[in-house]
């Protein structure tokens, strides 16, 4: 027989505790990734809206509202 054989009484309180801990950690990691994706989406939405507003304001006033970083 290849692999390990499941012993009688293999599943005990300690194994259940470890499994529950792992499952909570995985669930927390997934939730954190989803929340990060939501934040990134919100930031990109706001940045896009600001860029549209900035473009409209620039066209109306004839001034440049953007910040330019000097490159060497």
N, C-alpha and C. Protein backbone atom coordinates (compact mmCIF):
# COMPACT_ATOMS: atom_id res chain seq x y z
N UNK A 1 0.83 -1.17 0.00
CA UNK A 1 0.00 0.00 0.00
C UNK A 1 0.89 1.24 0.00
N UNK A 2 0.63 2.18 -0.90
CA UNK A 2 1.43 3.38 -1.04
C UNK A 2 0.83 4.49 -0.18
N UNK A 3 1.70 5.32 0.42
CA UNK A 3 1.23 6.45 1.22
C UNK A 3 0.99 6.02 2.66
N UNK A 4 0.31 6.87 3.39
CA UNK A 4 0.08 6.59 4.80
C UNK A 4 -1.30 5.97 5.00
N UNK A 5 -1.41 5.24 6.03
CA UNK A 5 -2.67 4.58 6.37
C UNK A 5 -3.31 5.36 7.51
N UNK A 6 -4.59 5.63 7.39
CA UNK A 6 -5.30 6.37 8.43
C UNK A 6 -5.49 5.46 9.65
N UNK A 7 -4.90 5.87 10.76
CA UNK A 7 -4.99 5.08 11.98
C UNK A 7 -6.33 5.31 12.67
N UNK A 8 -6.71 4.36 13.46
CA UNK A 8 -7.91 4.51 14.29
C UNK A 8 -7.65 5.63 15.29
N UNK A 9 -8.58 6.55 15.42
CA UNK A 9 -8.41 7.66 16.34
C UNK A 9 -7.46 8.72 15.84
N UNK A 10 -7.25 8.77 14.53
CA UNK A 10 -6.31 9.73 13.93
C UNK A 10 -6.77 11.16 14.18
N UNK A 11 -8.06 11.41 14.02
CA UNK A 11 -8.60 12.76 14.16
C UNK A 11 -8.85 13.03 15.64
N UNK A 12 -8.10 13.96 16.21
CA UNK A 12 -8.26 14.26 17.62
C UNK A 12 -8.47 15.77 17.81
N UNK A 13 -8.55 16.19 19.05
CA UNK A 13 -8.81 17.59 19.37
C UNK A 13 -7.69 18.50 18.84
N UNK A 14 -6.45 18.07 18.97
CA UNK A 14 -5.32 18.89 18.52
C UNK A 14 -5.35 19.11 17.02
N UNK A 15 -5.62 18.05 16.27
CA UNK A 15 -5.70 18.16 14.82
C UNK A 15 -6.87 19.05 14.41
N UNK A 16 -7.99 18.92 15.10
CA UNK A 16 -9.15 19.76 14.82
C UNK A 16 -8.81 21.23 15.07
N UNK A 17 -8.10 21.50 16.16
CA UNK A 17 -7.71 22.87 16.50
C UNK A 17 -6.79 23.45 15.43
N UNK A 18 -5.80 22.68 15.01
CA UNK A 18 -4.86 23.13 13.98
C UNK A 18 -5.59 23.40 12.67
N UNK A 19 -6.50 22.52 12.31
CA UNK A 19 -7.26 22.67 11.06
C UNK A 19 -8.13 23.91 11.11
N UNK A 20 -8.81 24.13 12.23
CA UNK A 20 -9.65 25.33 12.37
C UNK A 20 -8.81 26.60 12.30
N UNK A 21 -7.64 26.58 12.91
CA UNK A 21 -6.75 27.74 12.87
C UNK A 21 -6.31 28.03 11.43
N UNK A 22 -5.92 26.99 10.71
CA UNK A 22 -5.52 27.16 9.32
C UNK A 22 -6.67 27.71 8.49
N UNK A 23 -7.87 27.18 8.70
CA UNK A 23 -9.04 27.64 7.94
C UNK A 23 -9.34 29.11 8.23
N UNK A 24 -9.21 29.53 9.49
CA UNK A 24 -9.42 30.93 9.84
C UNK A 24 -8.38 31.82 9.17
N UNK A 25 -7.12 31.38 9.19
CA UNK A 25 -6.05 32.16 8.57
C UNK A 25 -6.28 32.31 7.07
N UNK A 26 -6.69 31.23 6.42
CA UNK A 26 -6.96 31.29 4.98
C UNK A 26 -8.14 32.22 4.69
N UNK A 27 -9.19 32.12 5.49
CA UNK A 27 -10.36 32.98 5.31
C UNK A 27 -9.96 34.44 5.51
N UNK A 28 -9.15 34.72 6.54
CA UNK A 28 -8.69 36.08 6.79
C UNK A 28 -7.84 36.61 5.64
N UNK A 29 -6.99 35.76 5.09
CA UNK A 29 -6.14 36.17 3.97
C UNK A 29 -6.98 36.50 2.74
N UNK A 30 -7.98 35.69 2.47
CA UNK A 30 -8.87 35.94 1.33
C UNK A 30 -9.63 37.25 1.54
N UNK A 31 -10.16 37.45 2.75
CA UNK A 31 -10.89 38.68 3.04
C UNK A 31 -9.99 39.91 2.92
N UNK A 32 -8.74 39.79 3.37
CA UNK A 32 -7.80 40.90 3.27
C UNK A 32 -7.53 41.23 1.80
N UNK A 33 -7.36 40.22 0.97
CA UNK A 33 -7.12 40.44 -0.45
C UNK A 33 -8.32 41.10 -1.12
N UNK A 34 -9.52 40.67 -0.75
CA UNK A 34 -10.73 41.27 -1.31
C UNK A 34 -10.84 42.73 -0.89
N UNK A 35 -10.57 43.03 0.38
CA UNK A 35 -10.63 44.41 0.85
C UNK A 35 -9.58 45.27 0.16
N UNK A 36 -8.39 44.73 -0.05
CA UNK A 36 -7.35 45.47 -0.75
C UNK A 36 -7.78 45.77 -2.19
N UNK A 37 -8.39 44.80 -2.84
CA UNK A 37 -8.87 45.01 -4.21
C UNK A 37 -9.94 46.10 -4.23
N UNK A 38 -10.82 46.12 -3.22
CA UNK A 38 -11.85 47.16 -3.15
C UNK A 38 -11.23 48.54 -2.98
N UNK A 39 -10.22 48.63 -2.11
CA UNK A 39 -9.55 49.91 -1.88
C UNK A 39 -8.85 50.37 -3.16
N UNK A 40 -8.15 49.47 -3.82
CA UNK A 40 -7.46 49.82 -5.06
C UNK A 40 -8.45 50.30 -6.12
N UNK A 41 -9.57 49.63 -6.21
CA UNK A 41 -10.59 50.03 -7.18
C UNK A 41 -11.12 51.42 -6.85
N UNK A 42 -11.35 51.69 -5.57
CA UNK A 42 -11.84 53.00 -5.15
C UNK A 42 -10.82 54.09 -5.46
N UNK A 43 -9.55 53.82 -5.17
CA UNK A 43 -8.49 54.80 -5.44
C UNK A 43 -8.40 55.08 -6.94
N UNK A 44 -8.45 54.04 -7.75
CA UNK A 44 -8.38 54.24 -9.20
C UNK A 44 -9.59 55.02 -9.71
N UNK A 45 -10.75 54.75 -9.15
CA UNK A 45 -11.96 55.48 -9.54
C UNK A 45 -11.82 56.96 -9.20
N UNK A 46 -11.36 57.24 -7.97
CA UNK A 46 -11.18 58.63 -7.56
C UNK A 46 -10.10 59.33 -8.40
N UNK A 47 -9.02 58.62 -8.68
CA UNK A 47 -7.95 59.20 -9.50
C UNK A 47 -8.45 59.52 -10.90
N UNK A 48 -9.26 58.63 -11.45
CA UNK A 48 -9.82 58.85 -12.78
C UNK A 48 -10.77 60.04 -12.76
N UNK A 49 -11.61 60.11 -11.75
CA UNK A 49 -12.54 61.25 -11.65
C UNK A 49 -11.77 62.56 -11.49
N UNK A 50 -10.72 62.57 -10.67
CA UNK A 50 -9.94 63.78 -10.50
C UNK A 50 -9.28 64.18 -11.80
N UNK A 51 -8.76 63.21 -12.53
CA UNK A 51 -8.10 63.50 -13.80
C UNK A 51 -9.08 64.11 -14.78
N UNK A 52 -10.31 63.59 -14.82
CA UNK A 52 -11.35 64.14 -15.70
C UNK A 52 -11.67 65.56 -15.27
N UNK A 53 -11.83 65.76 -13.95
CA UNK A 53 -12.13 67.10 -13.43
C UNK A 53 -10.98 68.06 -13.75
N UNK A 54 -9.75 67.59 -13.55
CA UNK A 54 -8.58 68.42 -13.81
C UNK A 54 -8.52 68.82 -15.27
N UNK A 55 -8.81 67.90 -16.16
CA UNK A 55 -8.79 68.18 -17.60
C UNK A 55 -9.85 69.21 -17.96
N UNK A 56 -11.06 69.05 -17.41
CA UNK A 56 -12.12 70.02 -17.69
C UNK A 56 -11.77 71.40 -17.15
N UNK A 57 -11.21 71.45 -15.94
CA UNK A 57 -10.84 72.73 -15.33
C UNK A 57 -9.74 73.40 -16.15
N UNK A 58 -8.80 72.61 -16.62
CA UNK A 58 -7.69 73.17 -17.41
C UNK A 58 -8.21 73.76 -18.72
N UNK A 59 -9.15 73.07 -19.35
CA UNK A 59 -9.71 73.55 -20.61
C UNK A 59 -10.50 74.84 -20.38
N UNK A 60 -11.23 74.91 -19.27
CA UNK A 60 -12.06 76.08 -19.01
C UNK A 60 -11.22 77.29 -18.62
N UNK A 61 -10.19 77.09 -17.80
CA UNK A 61 -9.43 78.23 -17.29
C UNK A 61 -8.17 78.51 -18.10
N UNK A 62 -7.72 77.54 -18.85
CA UNK A 62 -6.50 77.73 -19.63
C UNK A 62 -5.24 77.59 -18.80
N UNK A 63 -5.35 77.08 -17.56
CA UNK A 63 -4.16 76.90 -16.72
C UNK A 63 -3.89 75.42 -16.53
N UNK A 64 -2.67 75.14 -16.15
CA UNK A 64 -2.25 73.76 -15.91
C UNK A 64 -2.25 73.50 -14.42
N UNK A 65 -3.12 72.60 -13.93
CA UNK A 65 -3.22 72.31 -12.51
C UNK A 65 -2.38 71.12 -12.07
N UNK A 66 -1.72 70.47 -12.99
CA UNK A 66 -0.98 69.27 -12.64
C UNK A 66 0.39 69.61 -12.09
N UNK A 67 0.93 68.72 -11.29
CA UNK A 67 2.27 68.87 -10.73
C UNK A 67 3.24 68.12 -11.61
N UNK A 68 4.32 68.76 -11.93
CA UNK A 68 5.33 68.10 -12.76
C UNK A 68 6.58 67.90 -11.94
N UNK A 69 7.12 66.70 -12.01
CA UNK A 69 8.34 66.37 -11.28
C UNK A 69 9.49 66.48 -12.26
N UNK A 70 10.50 67.23 -11.85
CA UNK A 70 11.66 67.40 -12.71
C UNK A 70 12.46 66.10 -12.72
N UNK A 71 12.87 65.68 -13.88
CA UNK A 71 13.70 64.47 -13.99
C UNK A 71 15.08 64.88 -14.44
N UNK A 72 16.04 64.19 -13.91
CA UNK A 72 17.43 64.54 -14.25
C UNK A 72 17.91 63.73 -15.41
